[in-house]
């Protein structure tokens, strides 16, 4: 008797026998709901947009999760169960945190083969690119074969600041001088750029340049000359490689100085038809909308192209609570309104500059928000009213369901033939992942684990989709075997 995992946002996780399964092809209904979602939202995939003046693109009923390997499905299911089951999550998180921060050879996965054998295949390989250039190339090729436009590769060095202004994280050099710390950060990012291909991205954290730089960020100092030279070298290498750079948002102790240091580089390098450097806006902050308006006004006055990466926010456990929206619903509304007004021209800057020069990347895992943004962009493009063609990015190992659905949306547009709107519209989706040794990436993975816990409802929704797809594959294999008998 074969058993598979069944998951439901309301009923939890259970085991069901394959003999009792009724396999149903996953199909999205053609209704768009704008209110609160109860269970998985049912929305029309792009390719059948209601109200399109050009007429709907012929809908192609395709199981978009068929792109994923069975191994990926199983990992998504196992991790989804782990993240949505408190009895598993709490002790598992404690163990994971111990592994991430341990200086003991017994708990270090890079030194203990037993720990590595557990952590590497299930967690590290699911979220990370690899430990060397060969592994990273294999991972990148696999992602692109699925249909993704490219990868965002991050150097796995991360520093966070506690409310007491103390440093936490891995890869801190003991008694290292400013020059040595910055050189290590520079070389790590240059090495990362050498392992990506044209059209890919480099994901960068300014605090990764070490404790001296982080202290300067905390105090609001001017950037040291060593840092300026290092970031110039990184930008020049990115141009030579045909890649773009996103600079991650960081905690509010650091962010004002990061912005001040970043703008001169954006002014210097964002002068072509596509931005080289993107800054990150966190929608959970009350100031996020005003920051976008300010940056758009500044870039247009100084005649450079703004690159915007929009995220919900990643430092809720460390940032000042009074600066964060009061509720999740307020954060959702902030993110959605920013997306809508950037796509349609609803910010005040559009009254001064009819077509401001900027690029826009939506980084997020909320399926309702991402689907709605993609549909809105297509409708606006069809009517020649789209102000910017959005791009999308998700973390590797997260939101594979929405990533694959976006890819299917793009395929449907291509199958319809040449796009009828005057705007060149295509869906470009990227996967973001880090590289380094297993323990070097643990701080990165640890923060992702915290983020996933706060988004357990969305993980539960994806879990049911992955379980249904696994059931479909098992049933198809059984039916094929019966046909051969």
Protein backbone atom coordinates (compact mmCIF):
# COMPACT_ATOMS: atom_id res chain seq x y z
CA UNK A 1 0.00 0.00 0.00
CA UNK A 2 1.41 3.40 -1.00
CA UNK A 3 0.81 6.45 1.15
CA UNK A 4 1.25 10.14 0.37
CA UNK A 5 1.00 13.33 2.35
CA UNK A 6 -2.26 15.27 2.16
CA UNK A 7 -2.22 18.87 3.33
CA UNK A 8 -5.05 21.31 3.91
CA UNK A 9 -4.79 24.84 5.36
CA UNK A 10 -7.77 24.01 7.62
CA UNK A 11 -7.37 20.32 8.37
CA UNK A 12 -3.59 20.09 8.67
CA UNK A 13 -1.40 17.29 7.37
CA UNK A 14 -2.36 13.64 7.15
CA UNK A 15 -1.46 10.41 5.36
CA UNK A 16 -3.78 8.99 2.75
CA UNK A 17 -3.54 5.75 0.80
CA UNK A 18 -3.04 5.99 -2.93
CA UNK A 19 -5.93 3.60 -3.48
CA UNK A 20 -8.39 6.18 -2.12
CA UNK A 21 -7.13 9.12 -4.14
CA UNK A 22 -9.17 10.93 -6.67
CA UNK A 23 -6.68 12.82 -8.79
CA UNK A 24 -7.84 16.10 -10.24
CA UNK A 25 -5.91 18.34 -12.61
CA UNK A 26 -5.12 21.65 -10.92
CA UNK A 27 -7.05 24.39 -12.71
CA UNK A 28 -7.47 28.00 -11.73
CA UNK A 29 -10.94 29.53 -11.98
CA UNK A 30 -11.41 32.71 -13.97
CA UNK A 31 -12.51 34.97 -11.14
CA UNK A 32 -10.41 37.66 -9.50
CA UNK A 33 -11.04 38.39 -5.85
CA UNK A 34 -9.81 41.58 -4.28
CA UNK A 35 -10.89 40.97 -0.70
CA UNK A 36 -9.48 38.74 1.98
CA UNK A 37 -8.54 35.31 0.71
CA UNK A 38 -9.81 32.18 2.48
CA UNK A 39 -7.70 29.27 1.31
CA UNK A 40 -5.89 29.30 -2.04
CA UNK A 41 -7.04 32.25 -4.21
CA UNK A 42 -8.60 31.40 -7.55
CA UNK A 43 -7.40 33.77 -10.21
CA UNK A 44 -7.24 33.70 -13.97
CA UNK A 45 -3.71 32.92 -15.13
CA UNK A 46 -2.34 35.56 -17.45
CA UNK A 47 -3.41 34.46 -20.85
CA UNK A 48 -7.11 34.87 -20.10
CA UNK A 49 -7.43 38.34 -18.65
CA UNK A 50 -10.97 39.57 -17.95
CA UNK A 51 -11.89 42.82 -19.64
CA UNK A 52 -8.99 42.94 -22.07
CA UNK A 53 -9.90 45.17 -24.99
CA UNK A 54 -7.85 43.00 -27.29
CA UNK A 55 -9.86 39.96 -26.23
CA UNK A 56 -8.56 37.24 -23.94
CA UNK A 57 -5.45 35.37 -24.85
CA UNK A 58 -6.46 31.73 -25.47
CA UNK A 59 -6.29 29.91 -22.15
CA UNK A 60 -4.05 26.88 -22.14
CA UNK A 61 -4.88 24.51 -19.27
CA UNK A 62 -1.45 23.37 -18.13
CA UNK A 63 -0.29 21.98 -14.81
CA UNK A 64 2.48 24.50 -14.24
CA UNK A 65 4.02 22.50 -11.39
CA UNK A 66 4.93 19.80 -13.92
CA UNK A 67 8.12 21.83 -14.48
CA UNK A 68 9.44 20.83 -11.05
CA UNK A 69 11.33 17.60 -10.46
CA UNK A 70 9.83 15.04 -8.11
CA UNK A 71 12.77 15.64 -5.78
CA UNK A 72 11.91 19.35 -5.58
CA UNK A 73 8.27 18.50 -4.89
CA UNK A 74 9.24 16.17 -2.05
CA UNK A 75 11.57 18.76 -0.50
CA UNK A 76 8.86 21.43 -0.73
CA UNK A 77 6.40 19.09 0.97
CA UNK A 78 8.79 18.05 3.75
CA UNK A 79 9.89 21.62 4.46
CA UNK A 80 6.29 22.87 4.22
CA UNK A 81 5.17 20.34 6.83
CA UNK A 82 8.11 21.34 9.03
CA UNK A 83 7.36 25.08 8.76
CA UNK A 84 3.64 24.73 9.40
CA UNK A 85 3.80 22.25 12.30
CA UNK A 86 4.69 23.95 15.62
CA UNK A 87 5.72 20.68 17.28
CA UNK A 88 8.31 20.18 14.53
CA UNK A 89 9.29 23.79 13.91
CA UNK A 90 10.26 24.86 17.44
CA UNK A 91 12.79 22.11 18.23
CA UNK A 92 13.96 22.02 14.63
CA UNK A 93 14.62 25.75 14.62
CA UNK A 94 16.64 25.47 17.84
CA UNK A 95 18.81 22.74 16.29
CA UNK A 96 19.23 24.74 13.08
CA UNK A 97 20.25 27.84 15.03
CA UNK A 98 22.79 25.79 16.98
CA UNK A 99 24.34 24.49 13.76
CA UNK A 100 24.45 27.98 12.24
CA UNK A 101 26.22 29.63 15.15
CA UNK A 102 28.36 26.79 16.49
CA UNK A 103 32.14 27.00 16.67
CA UNK A 104 32.31 23.35 17.67
CA UNK A 105 33.59 20.82 15.19
CA UNK A 106 30.88 18.46 16.40
CA UNK A 107 28.05 20.72 15.19
CA UNK A 108 29.80 22.31 12.23
CA UNK A 109 28.43 20.74 9.02
CA UNK A 110 31.65 21.60 7.20
CA UNK A 111 33.62 19.45 9.66
CA UNK A 112 31.10 16.81 10.75
CA UNK A 113 30.10 14.55 7.82
CA UNK A 114 27.03 13.22 9.67
CA UNK A 115 25.61 16.72 10.21
CA UNK A 116 26.48 17.62 6.63
CA UNK A 117 24.72 14.50 5.32
CA UNK A 118 21.51 15.70 6.97
CA UNK A 119 21.70 19.43 6.31
CA UNK A 120 23.19 19.49 2.83
CA UNK A 121 20.64 17.54 0.72
CA UNK A 122 17.45 18.64 2.44
CA UNK A 123 18.12 22.27 3.32
CA UNK A 124 21.31 23.63 1.77
CA UNK A 125 20.80 22.19 -1.72
CA UNK A 126 17.17 23.34 -1.73
CA UNK A 127 17.94 27.00 -0.96
CA UNK A 128 21.57 27.55 -2.01
CA UNK A 129 23.62 27.53 -5.19
CA UNK A 130 26.62 25.45 -4.18
CA UNK A 131 30.05 25.63 -2.63
CA UNK A 132 32.12 26.17 -5.79
CA UNK A 133 31.89 27.34 -9.40
CA UNK A 134 31.06 23.90 -10.81
CA UNK A 135 28.14 23.35 -8.43
CA UNK A 136 26.86 26.88 -8.98
CA UNK A 137 26.90 26.46 -12.76
CA UNK A 138 24.94 23.20 -12.47
CA UNK A 139 22.36 24.84 -10.19
CA UNK A 140 22.03 27.88 -12.45
CA UNK A 141 21.62 25.75 -15.56
CA UNK A 142 18.91 23.71 -13.88
CA UNK A 143 16.99 26.85 -12.89
CA UNK A 144 17.21 28.27 -16.41
CA UNK A 145 16.06 24.97 -17.94
CA UNK A 146 12.83 25.38 -15.99
CA UNK A 147 12.28 28.65 -17.85
CA UNK A 148 13.55 31.24 -15.39
CA UNK A 149 15.35 34.23 -16.92
CA UNK A 150 18.35 33.91 -14.64
CA UNK A 151 19.61 33.87 -11.08
CA UNK A 152 20.46 36.41 -8.41
CA UNK A 153 23.62 35.12 -6.75
CA UNK A 154 24.56 36.39 -3.29
CA UNK A 155 27.86 36.17 -1.47
CA UNK A 156 27.09 34.36 1.78
CA UNK A 157 28.47 36.84 4.27
CA UNK A 158 25.93 38.49 6.52
CA UNK A 159 26.18 40.84 9.49
CA UNK A 160 23.19 41.91 11.57
CA UNK A 161 23.02 44.45 14.35
CA UNK A 162 21.06 43.90 17.55
CA UNK A 163 19.15 46.65 19.31
CA UNK A 164 22.19 47.05 21.58
CA UNK A 165 24.33 47.82 18.49
CA UNK A 166 26.30 44.60 18.79
CA UNK A 167 27.25 42.46 15.83
CA UNK A 168 25.85 39.01 15.19
CA UNK A 169 26.56 36.68 12.31
CA UNK A 170 29.27 34.53 10.78
CA UNK A 171 32.45 35.34 8.87
CA UNK A 172 33.59 38.16 11.12
CA UNK A 173 37.37 38.55 10.98
CA UNK A 174 38.99 38.79 14.40
CA UNK A 175 41.02 41.98 14.88
CA UNK A 176 40.93 42.67 11.14
CA UNK A 177 41.60 46.15 9.86
CA UNK A 178 39.27 48.11 7.60
CA UNK A 179 41.34 47.43 4.50
CA UNK A 180 41.41 43.67 5.07
CA UNK A 181 37.67 43.42 5.76
CA UNK A 182 36.70 45.48 2.71
CA UNK A 183 39.13 43.54 0.51
CA UNK A 184 37.57 40.25 1.61
CA UNK A 185 34.08 41.59 0.80
CA UNK A 186 35.24 43.00 -2.55
CA UNK A 187 36.95 39.78 -3.57
CA UNK A 188 33.95 37.69 -2.54
CA UNK A 189 31.61 39.78 -4.69
CA UNK A 190 34.03 39.78 -7.62
CA UNK A 191 34.29 36.01 -7.36
CA UNK A 192 30.49 35.82 -7.30
CA UNK A 193 30.27 37.90 -10.48
CA UNK A 194 32.75 35.59 -12.18
CA UNK A 195 30.38 32.67 -11.53
CA UNK A 196 27.24 34.20 -13.06
CA UNK A 197 26.33 34.69 -16.69
CA UNK A 198 25.11 37.59 -18.78
CA UNK A 199 21.62 38.58 -17.70
CA UNK A 200 22.08 37.36 -14.11
CA UNK A 201 22.27 39.50 -10.98
CA UNK A 202 24.59 40.03 -8.04
CA UNK A 203 22.85 40.38 -4.67
CA UNK A 204 24.90 42.51 -2.30
CA UNK A 205 24.83 43.50 1.38
CA UNK A 206 26.79 46.62 2.30
CA UNK A 207 27.24 45.44 5.90
CA UNK A 208 29.01 42.38 4.50
CA UNK A 209 32.05 44.64 4.12
CA UNK A 210 32.77 44.08 7.79
CA UNK A 211 32.54 45.57 11.25
CA UNK A 212 34.41 48.79 10.43
CA UNK A 213 32.02 49.58 7.57
CA UNK A 214 29.03 48.61 9.72
CA UNK A 215 30.24 50.97 12.46
CA UNK A 216 30.50 53.75 9.87
CA UNK A 217 26.96 52.99 8.73
CA UNK A 218 25.73 53.15 12.34
CA UNK A 219 27.41 56.52 12.93
CA UNK A 220 26.34 58.02 9.59
CA UNK A 221 29.92 58.62 8.44
CA UNK A 222 31.03 59.28 4.89
CA UNK A 223 32.08 56.12 3.01
CA UNK A 224 35.78 55.29 3.45
CA UNK A 225 37.96 55.48 0.37
CA UNK A 226 38.61 51.74 0.54
CA UNK A 227 34.88 51.09 0.27
CA UNK A 228 34.44 53.47 -2.67
CA UNK A 229 37.27 51.78 -4.57
CA UNK A 230 35.86 48.34 -3.79
CA UNK A 231 32.32 49.15 -4.94
CA UNK A 232 33.66 50.81 -8.09
CA UNK A 233 35.56 47.60 -8.89
CA UNK A 234 32.40 45.54 -8.33
CA UNK A 235 30.31 47.80 -10.56
CA UNK A 236 32.88 47.73 -13.35
CA UNK A 237 33.05 43.92 -13.18
CA UNK A 238 29.24 43.72 -13.30
CA UNK A 239 29.18 45.87 -16.44
CA UNK A 240 31.82 43.66 -18.06
CA UNK A 241 29.81 40.52 -17.18
CA UNK A 242 26.50 41.96 -18.41
CA UNK A 243 24.95 41.64 -14.94
CA UNK A 244 22.93 43.89 -12.66
CA UNK A 245 23.33 44.53 -8.93
CA UNK A 246 20.73 44.77 -6.24
CA UNK A 247 21.73 46.22 -2.89
CA UNK A 248 19.76 44.60 -0.11
CA UNK A 249 17.86 46.65 2.41
CA UNK A 250 19.18 46.27 5.94
CA UNK A 251 18.09 47.17 9.44
CA UNK A 252 16.96 50.71 10.19
CA UNK A 253 20.08 51.26 12.29
CA UNK A 254 22.01 51.10 9.00
CA UNK A 255 19.63 51.95 6.17
CA UNK A 256 19.78 55.78 6.09
CA UNK A 257 23.55 55.69 5.60
CA UNK A 258 23.29 52.85 3.07
CA UNK A 259 20.95 55.03 1.01
CA UNK A 260 23.30 58.02 1.26
CA UNK A 261 26.26 55.89 0.15
CA UNK A 262 24.33 54.23 -2.67
CA UNK A 263 22.90 57.24 -4.51
CA UNK A 264 26.27 58.55 -5.84
CA UNK A 265 26.99 55.13 -7.36
CA UNK A 266 23.53 55.00 -8.93
CA UNK A 267 24.09 58.48 -10.36
CA UNK A 268 27.46 57.34 -11.78
CA UNK A 269 26.42 53.97 -13.22
CA UNK A 270 22.65 54.14 -13.88
CA UNK A 271 22.96 56.23 -17.03
CA UNK A 272 21.99 53.73 -19.73
CA UNK A 273 18.65 52.32 -20.90
CA UNK A 274 18.66 49.87 -17.99
CA UNK A 275 19.67 50.50 -14.37
CA UNK A 276 22.81 48.74 -13.17
CA UNK A 277 22.21 49.24 -9.42
CA UNK A 278 18.88 48.69 -7.67
CA UNK A 279 18.06 49.91 -4.17
CA UNK A 280 15.61 47.97 -2.00
CA UNK A 281 12.41 49.36 -0.50
CA UNK A 282 10.77 47.50 2.40
CA UNK A 283 7.00 47.91 2.20
CA UNK A 284 6.46 47.06 5.87
CA UNK A 285 8.01 50.41 6.81
CA UNK A 286 5.64 53.36 7.11
CA UNK A 287 8.07 55.56 5.17
CA UNK A 288 8.32 53.23 2.14
CA UNK A 289 6.00 55.17 -0.16
CA UNK A 290 7.63 58.52 0.66
CA UNK A 291 11.07 56.96 0.04
CA UNK A 292 10.06 55.85 -3.44
CA UNK A 293 8.67 59.30 -4.27
CA UNK A 294 11.87 60.95 -3.00
CA UNK A 295 14.13 58.60 -4.95
CA UNK A 296 12.12 59.04 -8.15
CA UNK A 297 12.23 62.84 -7.81
CA UNK A 298 15.97 62.79 -7.04
CA UNK A 299 16.87 60.54 -9.96
CA UNK A 300 14.87 62.59 -12.45
CA UNK A 301 16.33 65.91 -11.23
CA UNK A 302 19.86 64.51 -11.49
CA UNK A 303 19.17 62.71 -14.79
CA UNK A 304 19.88 59.10 -13.84
CA UNK A 305 17.79 55.94 -13.95
CA UNK A 306 16.40 54.61 -10.67
CA UNK A 307 16.33 50.88 -10.03
CA UNK A 308 13.71 49.80 -7.46
CA UNK A 309 13.48 46.40 -5.80
CA UNK A 310 10.35 46.10 -3.68
CA UNK A 311 10.12 43.62 -0.79
CA UNK A 312 7.81 43.29 2.18
CA UNK A 313 10.59 43.37 4.78
CA UNK A 314 13.02 40.99 6.42
CA UNK A 315 14.08 42.46 9.78
CA UNK A 316 10.87 42.56 11.76
CA UNK A 317 12.59 41.01 14.80
CA UNK A 318 15.30 43.70 14.84
CA UNK A 319 13.85 46.88 13.34
CA UNK A 320 12.27 49.61 15.44
CA UNK A 321 8.63 48.62 15.86
CA UNK A 322 7.27 52.17 15.62
CA UNK A 323 8.62 52.43 12.06
CA UNK A 324 6.74 49.31 10.90
CA UNK A 325 3.09 49.21 9.84
CA UNK A 326 0.78 48.22 12.67
CA UNK A 327 -0.72 45.13 11.03
CA UNK A 328 0.03 42.63 8.29
CA UNK A 329 -3.00 43.97 6.41
CA UNK A 330 -1.42 47.44 6.45
CA UNK A 331 1.81 46.01 5.05
CA UNK A 332 -0.09 44.13 2.34
CA UNK A 333 -1.93 47.33 1.39
CA UNK A 334 1.34 49.27 1.33
CA UNK A 335 3.00 46.75 -1.00
CA UNK A 336 -0.01 46.41 -3.30
CA UNK A 337 -0.62 50.17 -3.56
CA UNK A 338 3.04 50.83 -4.37
CA UNK A 339 2.94 48.20 -7.13
CA UNK A 340 -0.29 49.57 -8.59
CA UNK A 341 0.88 53.18 -8.62
CA UNK A 342 4.32 52.42 -10.06
CA UNK A 343 2.77 50.40 -12.89
CA UNK A 344 0.02 52.91 -13.65
CA UNK A 345 1.73 56.21 -12.83
CA UNK A 346 -0.09 57.03 -9.60
CA UNK A 347 2.83 58.62 -7.74
CA UNK A 348 2.99 62.46 -7.68
CA UNK A 349 6.29 62.38 -9.60
CA UNK A 350 4.37 61.31 -12.72
CA UNK A 351 2.66 64.73 -12.76
CA UNK A 352 6.04 66.45 -13.01
CA UNK A 353 7.75 63.88 -15.23
CA UNK A 354 5.34 62.11 -17.57
CA UNK A 355 7.71 59.18 -18.15
CA UNK A 356 10.34 59.05 -15.40
CA UNK A 357 13.24 56.71 -16.09
CA UNK A 358 13.16 53.78 -13.69
CA UNK A 359 13.16 49.99 -13.57
CA UNK A 360 11.09 47.87 -11.20
CA UNK A 361 11.66 44.43 -9.68
CA UNK A 362 9.02 42.79 -7.48
CA UNK A 363 10.64 40.44 -4.99
CA UNK A 364 8.04 38.55 -3.00
CA UNK A 365 6.27 35.31 -2.25
CA UNK A 366 2.67 36.39 -1.69
CA UNK A 367 0.84 34.58 -4.48
CA UNK A 368 -2.17 36.91 -4.52
CA UNK A 369 0.01 40.02 -4.79
CA UNK A 370 2.28 38.62 -7.49
CA UNK A 371 -0.58 37.30 -9.65
CA UNK A 372 -2.48 40.57 -9.32
CA UNK A 373 0.62 42.58 -10.27
CA UNK A 374 1.31 40.43 -13.33
CA UNK A 375 -2.30 40.69 -14.51
CA UNK A 376 -2.40 44.44 -13.94
CA UNK A 377 0.83 44.88 -15.92
CA UNK A 378 -0.56 42.90 -18.85
CA UNK A 379 -3.83 44.85 -18.90
CA UNK A 380 -2.00 48.19 -18.74
CA UNK A 381 0.42 47.09 -21.47
CA UNK A 382 -2.50 46.01 -23.66
CA UNK A 383 -3.94 49.53 -23.36
CA UNK A 384 -0.49 51.15 -23.80
CA UNK A 385 -0.70 52.61 -20.28
CA UNK A 386 2.04 50.62 -18.56
CA UNK A 387 4.70 52.93 -17.10
CA UNK A 388 7.32 50.25 -16.42
CA UNK A 389 7.63 46.58 -17.33
CA UNK A 390 7.99 44.74 -14.00
CA UNK A 391 10.33 41.86 -13.34
CA UNK A 392 9.88 39.26 -10.62
CA UNK A 393 12.16 37.41 -8.20
CA UNK A 394 11.72 34.82 -5.49
CA UNK A 395 14.12 33.07 -3.20
CA UNK A 396 15.31 29.69 -4.39
CA UNK A 397 13.28 26.99 -2.66
CA UNK A 398 10.42 29.34 -1.81
CA UNK A 399 7.25 30.10 -3.76
CA UNK A 400 8.11 27.61 -6.49
CA UNK A 401 4.39 27.39 -7.21
CA UNK A 402 3.98 31.09 -8.03
CA UNK A 403 7.32 31.16 -9.88
CA UNK A 404 6.24 28.28 -12.12
CA UNK A 405 2.84 29.87 -12.64
CA UNK A 406 4.48 33.11 -13.77
CA UNK A 407 6.56 31.10 -16.24
CA UNK A 408 3.39 29.49 -17.59
CA UNK A 409 1.78 32.92 -17.89
CA UNK A 410 4.74 34.03 -19.98
CA UNK A 411 4.46 30.94 -22.18
CA UNK A 412 0.77 31.67 -22.77
CA UNK A 413 1.63 35.20 -23.92
CA UNK A 414 4.25 33.85 -26.33
CA UNK A 415 1.83 31.25 -27.73
CA UNK A 416 -0.63 34.02 -28.48
CA UNK A 417 1.87 35.46 -30.94
CA UNK A 418 3.27 38.95 -31.10
CA UNK A 419 2.09 41.11 -28.23
CA UNK A 420 -0.61 43.48 -29.45
CA UNK A 421 0.13 46.42 -27.16
CA UNK A 422 2.60 49.15 -28.02
CA UNK A 423 4.66 48.31 -24.92
CA UNK A 424 7.21 45.51 -25.23
CA UNK A 425 5.90 43.15 -22.57
CA UNK A 426 7.37 39.90 -21.35
CA UNK A 427 7.49 38.14 -18.01
CA UNK A 428 11.01 37.79 -16.63
CA UNK A 429 11.35 35.79 -13.43
CA UNK A 430 14.55 35.20 -11.44
CA UNK A 431 15.56 32.95 -8.56
CA UNK A 432 17.71 34.36 -5.75
CA UNK A 433 20.19 32.11 -3.96
CA UNK A 434 23.40 32.32 -1.99
CA UNK A 435 26.64 30.37 -2.25
CA UNK A 436 29.45 29.34 0.08
CA UNK A 437 30.19 26.53 2.50
CA UNK A 438 27.25 25.01 4.36
CA UNK A 439 27.94 26.87 7.60
CA UNK A 440 28.84 30.12 5.85
CA UNK A 441 25.29 30.26 4.48
CA UNK A 442 23.56 29.40 7.75
CA UNK A 443 22.87 32.99 8.82
CA UNK A 444 21.22 33.60 5.45
CA UNK A 445 19.15 30.43 5.78
CA UNK A 446 18.31 31.19 9.41
CA UNK A 447 16.75 34.53 8.49
CA UNK A 448 14.79 32.86 5.67
CA UNK A 449 13.47 30.38 8.22
CA UNK A 450 12.18 33.24 10.38
CA UNK A 451 10.54 34.85 7.37
CA UNK A 452 8.90 31.55 6.38
CA UNK A 453 7.46 31.13 9.86
CA UNK A 454 5.72 34.50 9.63
CA UNK A 455 4.31 33.41 6.26
CA UNK A 456 3.07 29.98 7.32
CA UNK A 457 -0.34 30.54 5.74
CA UNK A 458 1.25 30.95 2.30
CA UNK A 459 3.51 27.95 2.90
CA UNK A 460 0.40 25.93 3.76
CA UNK A 461 -1.23 26.96 0.50
CA UNK A 462 1.80 25.89 -1.50
CA UNK A 463 2.02 22.65 0.44
CA UNK A 464 -1.42 21.53 -0.74
CA UNK A 465 -0.49 22.32 -4.34
CA UNK A 466 2.73 20.30 -4.13
CA UNK A 467 0.91 17.39 -2.50
CA UNK A 468 -1.72 17.38 -5.26
CA UNK A 469 0.97 17.39 -7.93
CA UNK A 470 2.76 14.49 -6.24
CA UNK A 471 -0.52 12.54 -6.09
CA UNK A 472 -1.06 13.20 -9.78
CA UNK A 473 2.38 11.85 -10.66
CA UNK A 474 2.01 8.73 -8.52
CA UNK A 475 -1.42 8.00 -9.98
CA UNK A 476 -0.18 8.51 -13.55
CA UNK A 477 2.64 6.03 -12.97
CA UNK A 478 0.25 3.47 -11.55
CA UNK A 479 -2.14 3.90 -14.46
CA UNK A 480 0.68 3.53 -16.98
CA UNK A 481 1.79 0.31 -15.29
CA UNK A 482 -1.75 -1.04 -15.43
CA UNK A 483 -1.90 -0.23 -19.16
CA UNK A 484 1.24 -2.31 -19.70
CA UNK A 485 -0.23 -5.36 -17.95
